Amino acid sequence: MTDDNRERVEAHTTPASTEAPAIGTLVVDEARKRLGVVMDDVGGRLQIRPPSGGREWDADPVHVRSAREDEILRVRVAATAAMVQGRSL
């Protein structure tokens, strides 16, 4: 993971809150049991992408919550490990 990608992951990690997640927030889609970053809000549905990049999916905001500190840490550890091993996350 490049320094630029790591900064994006770190910038997109916020603690859990009761408000709807903002674009760029690291979230958990409870319906799919997936972790991702909110990329957009279109037609009342959130578009979420895995933290390491990849294909977005649509999620009902009712089933989405901000990631907890332990989940945020897991993403940061994975990004750091990928960087140390010389591969992209």
Protein backbone atom coordinates (compact mmCIF):
# COMPACT_ATOMS: atom_id res chain seq x y z
CA MET A 1 0.00 0.00 0.00
CA THR A 2 1.42 3.37 -0.92
CA ASP A 3 1.63 6.24 1.54
CA ASP A 4 -1.15 7.96 -0.41
CA ASN A 5 -3.44 4.93 -0.05
CA ARG A 6 -2.62 4.61 3.66
CA GLU A 7 -3.50 8.29 4.16
CA ARG A 8 -6.83 7.70 2.39
CA VAL A 9 -7.62 4.74 4.66
CA GLU A 10 -6.67 6.72 7.76
CA ALA A 11 -8.69 9.74 6.63
CA HIS A 12 -11.72 7.53 6.06
CA THR A 13 -11.81 6.00 9.51
CA THR A 14 -14.06 7.59 12.06
CA PRO A 15 -15.49 6.22 15.29
CA ALA A 16 -19.05 4.94 15.43
CA SER A 17 -21.79 7.55 15.73
CA THR A 18 -25.57 7.75 15.70
CA GLU A 19 -25.68 9.94 12.56
CA ALA A 20 -25.85 8.56 9.04
CA PRO A 21 -22.32 7.78 7.86
CA ALA A 22 -20.74 10.50 5.74
CA ILE A 23 -18.98 9.90 2.45
CA GLY A 24 -15.48 8.64 3.20
CA THR A 25 -16.44 6.94 6.47
CA LEU A 26 -15.33 3.41 7.22
CA VAL A 27 -18.52 1.43 7.88
CA VAL A 28 -19.90 -2.05 8.42
CA ASP A 29 -22.79 -3.25 6.27
CA GLU A 30 -24.52 -5.49 8.82
CA ALA A 31 -26.77 -7.05 6.17
CA ARG A 32 -23.76 -8.39 4.27
CA LYS A 33 -21.29 -8.54 7.17
CA ARG A 34 -18.80 -6.49 5.11
CA LEU A 35 -16.49 -3.62 5.97
CA GLY A 36 -16.12 -0.75 3.51
CA VAL A 37 -15.80 2.97 2.82
CA VAL A 38 -18.90 5.02 1.92
CA MET A 39 -18.30 6.36 -1.58
CA ASP A 40 -21.66 8.00 -2.33
CA ASP A 41 -25.31 8.26 -1.40
CA VAL A 42 -27.55 7.76 -4.42
CA GLY A 43 -31.31 7.45 -4.29
CA GLY A 44 -31.35 6.79 -0.58
CA ARG A 45 -28.83 3.93 -0.83
CA LEU A 46 -25.19 4.03 0.16
CA GLN A 47 -22.50 2.96 -2.27
CA ILE A 48 -19.73 1.22 -0.34
CA ARG A 49 -16.32 -0.01 -1.50
CA PRO A 50 -13.90 -2.35 0.29
CA PRO A 51 -11.09 -0.41 2.08
CA SER A 52 -8.51 -1.97 -0.23
CA GLY A 53 -10.47 -0.95 -3.33
CA GLY A 54 -12.58 -3.08 -5.58
CA ARG A 55 -16.17 -3.28 -6.66
CA GLU A 56 -18.74 -1.11 -4.88
CA TRP A 57 -22.01 -2.45 -3.59
CA ASP A 58 -25.26 -0.74 -2.65
CA ALA A 59 -26.47 -0.86 0.93
CA ASP A 60 -29.57 0.21 2.77
CA PRO A 61 -28.47 2.88 5.29
CA VAL A 62 -30.65 1.19 7.92
CA HIS A 63 -28.20 -1.74 7.94
CA VAL A 64 -25.00 0.35 7.93
CA ARG A 65 -23.09 1.58 10.97
CA SER A 66 -19.78 3.35 11.47
CA ALA A 67 -16.89 1.01 12.15
CA ARG A 68 -15.75 0.48 15.74
CA GLU A 69 -12.20 1.23 16.87
CA ASP A 70 -11.19 -2.45 16.70
CA GLU A 71 -12.48 -2.71 13.13
CA ILE A 72 -10.62 0.46 12.16
CA LEU A 73 -7.44 -0.93 13.71
CA ARG A 74 -7.83 -4.16 11.74
CA VAL A 75 -7.90 -2.20 8.46
CA ARG A 76 -4.84 -0.16 9.46
CA VAL A 77 -2.89 -3.28 10.47
CA ALA A 78 -3.74 -5.00 7.18
CA ALA A 79 -2.66 -1.90 5.22
CA THR A 80 0.63 -1.70 7.12
CA ALA A 81 1.33 -5.41 6.66
CA ALA A 82 0.67 -5.12 2.93
CA MET A 83 3.04 -2.16 2.68
CA VAL A 84 5.79 -3.99 4.58
CA GLN A 85 5.39 -7.03 2.34
CA GLY A 86 5.58 -4.80 -0.74
CA ARG A 87 2.11 -5.54 -2.02
CA SER A 88 -1.04 -3.53 -2.46
CA LEU A 89 -3.91 -4.04 -0.09
